[in-house]
Amino acid sequence: MNIIVRKPTDREIAGMKTKPVWTCEVSTFDWDYDEMEICLLIEGEVVVKYSANESVSFAAGDLVVFPKGLSCVWQVKKPVRKYYMFG
């Protein structure tokens, strides 16, 4: 399963700014995606481990797409604020 991390377009940024905001302090937790999620990090830094030896890092300004069915571990390195949407 591939997690996509990239810089968003201006149009994507404008669209994401209409979505809810999720926040999280520095922590580590398991997460399972029952549906696809797209998020835009406003603040923070995260490492997501999704297999024994695969992980992806992202930070403020990144657009991230998590696929449906993904099981992973979030390692929040710096407090996070992000716009998000499921589906």
PDB file of N, CA and C in Angstrom:
ATOM      1  N   MET A   1       0.851  -1.188   0.000  1.00  0.00           N
ATOM      2  CA  MET A   1       0.000   0.000   0.000  1.00  0.00           C
ATOM      3  C   MET A   1       0.884   1.235   0.000  1.00  0.00           C
ATOM      4  N   ASN A   2       0.584   2.119  -0.887  1.00  0.00           N
ATOM      5  CA  ASN A   2       1.389   3.329  -0.987  1.00  0.00           C
ATOM      6  C   ASN A   2       0.696   4.516  -0.336  1.00  0.00           C
ATOM      7  N   ILE A   3       1.447   5.230   0.463  1.00  0.00           N
ATOM      8  CA  ILE A   3       1.020   6.504   1.024  1.00  0.00           C
ATOM      9  C   ILE A   3       1.632   7.569   0.128  1.00  0.00           C
ATOM     10  N   ILE A   4       0.818   8.482  -0.360  1.00  0.00           N
ATOM     11  CA  ILE A   4       1.299   9.540  -1.254  1.00  0.00           C
ATOM     12  C   ILE A   4       1.555  10.796  -0.423  1.00  0.00           C
ATOM     13  N   VAL A   5       2.749  11.353  -0.550  1.00  0.00           N
ATOM     14  CA  VAL A   5       3.106  12.613   0.104  1.00  0.00           C
ATOM     15  C   VAL A   5       3.631  13.537  -0.973  1.00  0.00           C
ATOM     16  N   ARG A   6       3.013  14.727  -1.078  1.00  0.00           N
ATOM     17  CA  ARG A   6       3.454  15.689  -2.096  1.00  0.00           C
ATOM     18  C   ARG A   6       3.032  17.090  -1.698  1.00  0.00           C
ATOM     19  N   LYS A   7       3.556  18.056  -2.415  1.00  0.00           N
ATOM     20  CA  LYS A   7       3.145  19.440  -2.201  1.00  0.00           C
ATOM     21  C   LYS A   7       1.817  19.661  -2.929  1.00  0.00           C
ATOM     22  N   PRO A   8       0.851  20.299  -2.276  1.00  0.00           N
ATOM     23  CA  PRO A   8      -0.450  20.517  -2.903  1.00  0.00           C
ATOM     24  C   PRO A   8      -0.432  21.681  -3.887  1.00  0.00           C
ATOM     25  N   THR A   9      -1.412  21.655  -4.794  1.00  0.00           N
ATOM     26  CA  THR A   9      -1.609  22.795  -5.701  1.00  0.00           C
ATOM     27  C   THR A   9      -2.364  23.885  -4.935  1.00  0.00           C
ATOM     28  N   ASP A  10      -2.368  25.094  -5.469  1.00  0.00           N
ATOM     29  CA  ASP A  10      -3.117  26.188  -4.840  1.00  0.00           C
ATOM     30  C   ASP A  10      -4.602  25.838  -4.748  1.00  0.00           C
ATOM     31  N   ARG A  11      -5.124  25.173  -5.754  1.00  0.00           N
ATOM     32  CA  ARG A  11      -6.537  24.776  -5.765  1.00  0.00           C
ATOM     33  C   ARG A  11      -6.820  23.749  -4.662  1.00  0.00           C
ATOM     34  N   GLU A  12      -5.916  22.798  -4.488  1.00  0.00           N
ATOM     35  CA  GLU A  12      -6.081  21.803  -3.421  1.00  0.00           C
ATOM     36  C   GLU A  12      -6.037  22.460  -2.043  1.00  0.00           C
ATOM     37  N   ILE A  13      -5.134  23.413  -1.873  1.00  0.00           N
ATOM     38  CA  ILE A  13      -5.038  24.127  -0.594  1.00  0.00           C
ATOM     39  C   ILE A  13      -6.359  24.837  -0.305  1.00  0.00           C
ATOM     40  N   ALA A  14      -6.893  25.551  -1.292  1.00  0.00           N
ATOM     41  CA  ALA A  14      -8.154  26.273  -1.110  1.00  0.00           C
ATOM     42  C   ALA A  14      -9.282  25.301  -0.750  1.00  0.00           C
ATOM     43  N   GLY A  15      -9.339  24.152  -1.410  1.00  0.00           N
ATOM     44  CA  GLY A  15     -10.373  23.161  -1.131  1.00  0.00           C
ATOM     45  C   GLY A  15     -10.238  22.547   0.252  1.00  0.00           C
ATOM     46  N   MET A  16      -9.020  22.270   0.673  1.00  0.00           N
ATOM     47  CA  MET A  16      -8.806  21.654   1.980  1.00  0.00           C
ATOM     48  C   MET A  16      -9.119  22.618   3.124  1.00  0.00           C
ATOM     49  N   LYS A  17      -8.989  23.912   2.880  1.00  0.00           N
ATOM     50  CA  LYS A  17      -9.256  24.895   3.936  1.00  0.00           C
ATOM     51  C   LYS A  17     -10.728  24.928   4.336  1.00  0.00           C
ATOM     52  N   THR A  18     -11.595  24.267   3.570  1.00  0.00           N
ATOM     53  CA  THR A  18     -13.018  24.189   3.917  1.00  0.00           C
ATOM     54  C   THR A  18     -13.321  22.943   4.754  1.00  0.00           C
ATOM     55  N   LYS A  19     -12.329  22.093   4.990  1.00  0.00           N
ATOM     56  CA  LYS A  19     -12.517  20.821   5.687  1.00  0.00           C
ATOM     57  C   LYS A  19     -12.270  20.977   7.186  1.00  0.00           C
ATOM     58  N   PRO A  20     -12.700  19.978   7.977  1.00  0.00           N
ATOM     59  CA  PRO A  20     -12.453  20.034   9.425  1.00  0.00           C
ATOM     60  C   PRO A  20     -10.959  19.985   9.742  1.00  0.00           C
ATOM     61  N   VAL A  21     -10.631  20.421  10.962  1.00  0.00           N
ATOM     62  CA  VAL A  21      -9.242  20.412  11.437  1.00  0.00           C
ATOM     63  C   VAL A  21      -9.115  19.395  12.565  1.00  0.00           C
ATOM     64  N   TRP A  22      -8.057  18.586  12.505  1.00  0.00           N
ATOM     65  CA  TRP A  22      -7.735  17.609  13.546  1.00  0.00           C
ATOM     66  C   TRP A  22      -6.416  18.025  14.167  1.00  0.00           C
ATOM     67  N   THR A  23      -6.311  17.882  15.482  1.00  0.00           N
ATOM     68  CA  THR A  23      -5.069  18.219  16.179  1.00  0.00           C
ATOM     69  C   THR A  23      -4.613  17.030  17.022  1.00  0.00           C
ATOM     70  N   CYS A  24      -3.299  16.965  17.264  1.00  0.00           N
ATOM     71  CA  CYS A  24      -2.738  15.885  18.070  1.00  0.00           C
ATOM     72  C   CYS A  24      -1.405  16.348  18.652  1.00  0.00           C
ATOM     73  N   GLU A  25      -1.211  16.050  19.922  1.00  0.00           N
ATOM     74  CA  GLU A  25       0.057  16.348  20.574  1.00  0.00           C
ATOM     75  C   GLU A  25       1.088  15.265  20.226  1.00  0.00           C
ATOM     76  N   VAL A  26       2.310  15.455  20.642  1.00  0.00           N
ATOM     77  CA  VAL A  26       3.367  14.463  20.422  1.00  0.00           C
ATOM     78  C   VAL A  26       2.908  13.143  21.046  1.00  0.00           C
ATOM     79  N   SER A  27       2.906  12.080  20.234  1.00  0.00           N
ATOM     80  CA  SER A  27       2.408  10.779  20.698  1.00  0.00           C
ATOM     81  C   SER A  27       2.721   9.710  19.659  1.00  0.00           C
ATOM     82  N   THR A  28       2.446   8.455  20.036  1.00  0.00           N
ATOM     83  CA  THR A  28       2.560   7.317  19.121  1.00  0.00           C
ATOM     84  C   THR A  28       1.303   6.481  19.288  1.00  0.00           C
ATOM     85  N   PHE A  29       0.653   6.119  18.161  1.00  0.00           N
ATOM     86  CA  PHE A  29      -0.577   5.332  18.245  1.00  0.00           C
ATOM     87  C   PHE A  29      -0.794   4.543  16.953  1.00  0.00           C
ATOM     88  N   ASP A  30      -1.524   3.437  17.086  1.00  0.00           N
ATOM     89  CA  ASP A  30      -1.915   2.611  15.937  1.00  0.00           C
ATOM     90  C   ASP A  30      -3.125   3.235  15.270  1.00  0.00           C
ATOM     91  N   TRP A  31      -3.212   3.075  13.925  1.00  0.00           N
ATOM     92  CA  TRP A  31      -4.375   3.585  13.205  1.00  0.00           C
ATOM     93  C   TRP A  31      -4.690   2.668  12.030  1.00  0.00           C
ATOM     94  N   ASP A  32      -5.966   2.407  11.808  1.00  0.00           N
ATOM     95  CA  ASP A  32      -6.446   1.618  10.670  1.00  0.00           C
ATOM     96  C   ASP A  32      -7.375   2.488   9.842  1.00  0.00           C
ATOM     97  N   TYR A  33      -7.159   2.501   8.532  1.00  0.00           N
ATOM     98  CA  TYR A  33      -7.973   3.310   7.627  1.00  0.00           C
ATOM     99  C   TYR A  33      -9.078   2.458   7.015  1.00  0.00           C
ATOM    100  N   ASP A  34     -10.328   2.722   7.450  1.00  0.00           N
ATOM    101  CA  ASP A  34     -11.491   2.030   6.894  1.00  0.00           C
ATOM    102  C   ASP A  34     -11.888   2.621   5.548  1.00  0.00           C
ATOM    103  N   GLU A  35     -11.410   3.826   5.286  1.00  0.00           N
ATOM    104  CA  GLU A  35     -11.618   4.483   3.994  1.00  0.00           C
ATOM    105  C   GLU A  35     -10.423   5.388   3.722  1.00  0.00           C
ATOM    106  N   MET A  36     -10.313   5.824   2.480  1.00  0.00           N
ATOM    107  CA  MET A  36      -9.203   6.690   2.096  1.00  0.00           C
ATOM    108  C   MET A  36      -9.291   8.010   2.863  1.00  0.00           C
ATOM    109  N   GLU A  37      -8.129   8.562   3.227  1.00  0.00           N
ATOM    110  CA  GLU A  37      -8.071   9.891   3.834  1.00  0.00           C
ATOM    111  C   GLU A  37      -7.113  10.754   3.037  1.00  0.00           C
ATOM    112  N   ILE A  38      -7.502  12.010   2.845  1.00  0.00           N
ATOM    113  CA  ILE A  38      -6.620  13.032   2.285  1.00  0.00           C
ATOM    114  C   ILE A  38      -6.476  14.091   3.364  1.00  0.00           C
ATOM    115  N   CYS A  39      -5.234  14.485   3.650  1.00  0.00           N
ATOM    116  CA  CYS A  39      -5.044  15.536   4.644  1.00  0.00           C
ATOM    117  C   CYS A  39      -3.964  16.515   4.182  1.00  0.00           C
ATOM    118  N   LEU A  40      -4.040  17.712   4.724  1.00  0.00           N
ATOM    119  CA  LEU A  40      -3.063  18.763   4.471  1.00  0.00           C
ATOM    120  C   LEU A  40      -2.553  19.229   5.826  1.00  0.00           C
ATOM    121  N   LEU A  41      -1.271  19.019   6.086  1.00  0.00           N
ATOM    122  CA  LEU A  41      -0.709  19.427   7.367  1.00  0.00           C
ATOM    123  C   LEU A  41      -0.520  20.935   7.418  1.00  0.00           C
ATOM    124  N   ILE A  42      -1.085  21.524   8.463  1.00  0.00           N
ATOM    125  CA  ILE A  42      -0.945  22.959   8.709  1.00  0.00           C
ATOM    126  C   ILE A  42       0.288  23.187   9.580  1.00  0.00           C
ATOM    127  N   GLU A  43       0.452  22.305  10.570  1.00  0.00           N
ATOM    128  CA  GLU A  43       1.585  22.366  11.497  1.00  0.00           C
ATOM    129  C   GLU A  43       1.992  20.945  11.836  1.00  0.00           C
ATOM    130  N   GLY A  44       3.248  20.781  12.229  1.00  0.00           N
ATOM    131  CA  GLY A  44       3.684  19.512  12.784  1.00  0.00           C
ATOM    132  C   GLY A  44       4.610  18.699  11.914  1.00  0.00           C
ATOM    133  N   GLU A  45       4.952  17.536  12.467  1.00  0.00           N
ATOM    134  CA  GLU A  45       5.854  16.598  11.790  1.00  0.00           C
ATOM    135  C   GLU A  45       5.486  15.187  12.250  1.00  0.00           C
ATOM    136  N   VAL A  46       5.366  14.271  11.280  1.00  0.00           N
ATOM    137  CA  VAL A  46       4.897  12.915  11.560  1.00  0.00           C
ATOM    138  C   VAL A  46       5.732  11.894  10.793  1.00  0.00           C
ATOM    139  N   VAL A  47       5.933  10.735  11.404  1.00  0.00           N
ATOM    140  CA  VAL A  47       6.459   9.556  10.718  1.00  0.00           C
ATOM    141  C   VAL A  47       5.378   8.487  10.842  1.00  0.00           C
ATOM    142  N   VAL A  48       4.986   7.889   9.710  1.00  0.00           N
ATOM    143  CA  VAL A  48       4.004   6.808   9.717  1.00  0.00           C
ATOM    144  C   VAL A  48       4.708   5.536   9.264  1.00  0.00           C
ATOM    145  N   LYS A  49       4.709   4.524  10.144  1.00  0.00           N
ATOM    146  CA  LYS A  49       5.286   3.212   9.814  1.00  0.00           C
ATOM    147  C   LYS A  49       4.146   2.324   9.355  1.00  0.00           C
ATOM    148  N   TYR A  50       4.311   1.680   8.182  1.00  0.00           N
ATOM    149  CA  TYR A  50       3.223   0.861   7.671  1.00  0.00           C
ATOM    150  C   TYR A  50       3.633  -0.557   7.315  1.00  0.00           C
ATOM    151  N   SER A  51       4.836  -0.928   7.652  1.00  0.00           N
ATOM    152  CA  SER A  51       5.268  -2.324   7.587  1.00  0.00           C
ATOM    153  C   SER A  51       6.528  -2.429   8.436  1.00  0.00           C
ATOM    154  N   ALA A  52       7.069  -3.623   8.527  1.00  0.00           N
ATOM    155  CA  ALA A  52       8.231  -3.831   9.399  1.00  0.00           C
ATOM    156  C   ALA A  52       9.375  -2.877   9.086  1.00  0.00           C
ATOM    157  N   ASN A  53       9.572  -2.558   7.816  1.00  0.00           N
ATOM    158  CA  ASN A  53      10.705  -1.698   7.459  1.00  0.00           C
ATOM    159  C   ASN A  53      10.346  -0.601   6.458  1.00  0.00           C
ATOM    160  N   GLU A  54       9.079  -0.196   6.433  1.00  0.00           N
ATOM    161  CA  GLU A  54       8.678   0.899   5.549  1.00  0.00           C
ATOM    162  C   GLU A  54       7.989   1.984   6.364  1.00  0.00           C
ATOM    163  N   SER A  55       8.378   3.226   6.075  1.00  0.00           N
ATOM    164  CA  SER A  55       7.753   4.368   6.740  1.00  0.00           C
ATOM    165  C   SER A  55       7.800   5.564   5.799  1.00  0.00           C
ATOM    166  N   VAL A  56       7.001   6.558   6.130  1.00  0.00           N
ATOM    167  CA  VAL A  56       6.976   7.791   5.366  1.00  0.00           C
ATOM    168  C   VAL A  56       6.923   8.939   6.364  1.00  0.00           C
ATOM    169  N   SER A  57       7.622  10.030   6.026  1.00  0.00           N
ATOM    170  CA  SER A  57       7.643  11.225   6.872  1.00  0.00           C
ATOM    171  C   SER A  57       6.966  12.364   6.135  1.00  0.00           C
ATOM    172  N   PHE A  58       6.272  13.205   6.890  1.00  0.00           N
ATOM    173  CA  PHE A  58       5.677  14.393   6.288  1.00  0.00           C
ATOM    174  C   PHE A  58       5.559  15.477   7.347  1.00  0.00           C
ATOM    175  N   ALA A  59       5.381  16.715   6.875  1.00  0.00           N
ATOM    176  CA  ALA A  59       5.393  17.862   7.776  1.00  0.00           C
ATOM    177  C   ALA A  59       4.492  18.956   7.220  1.00  0.00           C
ATOM    178  N   ALA A  60       4.438  20.064   7.944  1.00  0.00           N
ATOM    179  CA  ALA A  60       3.597  21.197   7.547  1.00  0.00           C
ATOM    180  C   ALA A  60       3.801  21.530   6.071  1.00  0.00           C
ATOM    181  N   GLY A  61       2.691  21.717   5.369  1.00  0.00           N
ATOM    182  CA  GLY A  61       2.734  22.052   3.951  1.00  0.00           C
ATOM    183  C   GLY A  61       2.562  20.864   3.032  1.00  0.00           C
ATOM    184  N   ASP A  62       2.618  19.640   3.567  1.00  0.00           N
ATOM    185  CA  ASP A  62       2.473  18.433   2.747  1.00  0.00           C
ATOM    186  C   ASP A  62       1.017  17.999   2.646  1.00  0.00           C
ATOM    187  N   LEU A  63       0.641  17.524   1.465  1.00  0.00           N
ATOM    188  CA  LEU A  63      -0.642  16.863   1.219  1.00  0.00           C
ATOM    189  C   LEU A  63      -0.361  15.369   1.257  1.00  0.00           C
ATOM    190  N   VAL A  64      -1.161  14.628   2.031  1.00  0.00           N
ATOM    191  CA  VAL A  64      -0.917  13.203   2.213  1.00  0.00           C
ATOM    192  C   VAL A  64      -2.194  12.433   1.896  1.00  0.00           C
ATOM    193  N   VAL A  65      -2.057  11.325   1.156  1.00  0.00           N
ATOM    194  CA  VAL A  65      -3.185  10.458   0.828  1.00  0.00           C
ATOM    195  C   VAL A  65      -2.903   9.082   1.420  1.00  0.00           C
ATOM    196  N   PHE A  66      -3.795   8.648   2.321  1.00  0.00           N
ATOM    197  CA  PHE A  66      -3.696   7.330   2.944  1.00  0.00           C
ATOM    198  C   PHE A  66      -4.725   6.411   2.287  1.00  0.00           C
ATOM    199  N   PRO A  67      -4.309   5.235   1.799  1.00  0.00           N
ATOM    200  CA  PRO A  67      -5.252   4.337   1.121  1.00  0.00           C
ATOM    201  C   PRO A  67      -6.163   3.594   2.093  1.00  0.00           C
ATOM    202  N   LYS A  68      -7.350   3.276   1.626  1.00  0.00           N
ATOM    203  CA  LYS A  68      -8.281   2.442   2.374  1.00  0.00           C
ATOM    204  C   LYS A  68      -7.614   1.095   2.662  1.00  0.00           C
ATOM    205  N   GLY A  69      -7.805   0.589   3.893  1.00  0.00           N
ATOM    206  CA  GLY A  69      -7.246  -0.703   4.256  1.00  0.00           C
ATOM    207  C   GLY A  69      -5.866  -0.645   4.893  1.00  0.00           C
ATOM    208  N   LEU A  70      -5.270   0.536   4.968  1.00  0.00           N
ATOM    209  CA  LEU A  70      -3.938   0.685   5.547  1.00  0.00           C
ATOM    210  C   LEU A  70      -3.986   0.537   7.066  1.00  0.00           C
ATOM    211  N   SER A  71      -3.082  -0.254   7.621  1.00  0.00           N
ATOM    212  CA  SER A  71      -2.850  -0.333   9.062  1.00  0.00           C
ATOM    213  C   SER A  71      -1.455   0.211   9.306  1.00  0.00           C
ATOM    214  N   CYS A  72      -1.327   1.122  10.277  1.00  0.00           N
ATOM    215  CA  CYS A  72      -0.045   1.785  10.463  1.00  0.00           C
ATOM    216  C   CYS A  72       0.122   2.265  11.899  1.00  0.00           C
ATOM    217  N   VAL A  73       1.297   2.804  12.170  1.00  0.00           N
ATOM    218  CA  VAL A  73       1.589   3.417  13.458  1.00  0.00           C
ATOM    219  C   VAL A  73       2.005   4.860  13.195  1.00  0.00           C
ATOM    220  N   TRP A  74       1.285   5.782  13.803  1.00  0.00           N
ATOM    221  CA  TRP A  74       1.621   7.199  13.717  1.00  0.00           C
ATOM    222  C   TRP A  74       2.601   7.548  14.831  1.00  0.00           C
ATOM    223  N   GLN A  75       3.692   8.222  14.473  1.00  0.00           N
ATOM    224  CA  GLN A  75       4.633   8.778  15.439  1.00  0.00           C
ATOM    225  C   GLN A  75       4.616  10.291  15.232  1.00  0.00           C
ATOM    226  N   VAL A  76       3.882  10.994  16.085  1.00  0.00           N
ATOM    227  CA  VAL A  76       3.768  12.448  15.976  1.00  0.00           C
ATOM    228  C   VAL A  76       4.986  13.045  16.669  1.00  0.00           C
ATOM    229  N   LYS A  77       5.888  13.606  15.862  1.00  0.00           N
ATOM    230  CA  LYS A  77       7.150  14.146  16.365  1.00  0.00           C
ATOM    231  C   LYS A  77       7.020  15.583  16.874  1.00  0.00           C
ATOM    232  N   LYS A  78       6.166  16.370  16.188  1.00  0.00           N
ATOM    233  CA  LYS A  78       5.860  17.748  16.591  1.00  0.00           C
ATOM    234  C   LYS A  78       4.344  17.883  16.507  1.00  0.00           C
ATOM    235  N   PRO A  79       3.707  18.616  17.442  1.00  0.00           N
ATOM    236  CA  PRO A  79       2.249  18.717  17.473  1.00  0.00           C
ATOM    237  C   PRO A  79       1.651  19.034  16.101  1.00  0.00           C
ATOM    238  N   VAL A  80       0.560  18.322  15.793  1.00  0.00           N
ATOM    239  CA  VAL A  80      -0.047  18.377  14.455  1.00  0.00           C
ATOM    240  C   VAL A  80      -1.363  19.137  14.462  1.00  0.00           C
ATOM    241  N   ARG A  81      -1.551  19.932  13.430  1.00  0.00           N
ATOM    242  CA  ARG A  81      -2.854  20.478  13.029  1.00  0.00           C
ATOM    243  C   ARG A  81      -2.969  20.156  11.555  1.00  0.00           C
ATOM    244  N   LYS A  82      -4.107  19.565  11.160  1.00  0.00           N
ATOM    245  CA  LYS A  82      -4.275  19.220   9.749  1.00  0.00           C
ATOM    246  C   LYS A  82      -5.725  19.354   9.335  1.00  0.00           C
ATOM    247  N   TYR A  83      -5.924  19.736   8.074  1.00  0.00           N
ATOM    248  CA  TYR A  83      -7.238  19.634   7.443  1.00  0.00           C
ATOM    249  C   TYR A  83      -7.352  18.198   6.955  1.00  0.00           C
ATOM    250  N   TYR A  84      -8.559  17.638   7.016  1.00  0.00           N
ATOM    251  CA  TYR A  84      -8.708  16.257   6.565  1.00  0.00           C
ATOM    252  C   TYR A  84     -10.066  15.994   5.956  1.00  0.00           C
ATOM    253  N   MET A  85     -10.118  14.953   5.135  1.00  0.00           N
ATOM    254  CA  MET A  85     -11.387  14.454   4.597  1.00  0.00           C
ATOM    255  C   MET A  85     -11.261  12.990   4.300  1.00  0.00           C
ATOM    256  N   PHE A  86     -12.347  12.259   4.520  1.00  0.00           N
ATOM    257  CA  PHE A  86     -12.387  10.817   4.248  1.00  0.00           C
ATOM    258  C   PHE A  86     -13.240  10.565   3.022  1.00  0.00           C
ATOM    259  N   GLY A  87     -12.976   9.424   2.384  1.00  0.00           N
ATOM    260  CA  GLY A  87     -13.807   8.996   1.260  1.00  0.00           C
ATOM    261  C   GLY A  87     -13.197   9.226  -0.074  1.00  0.00           C
TER     262      GLY A  87
END
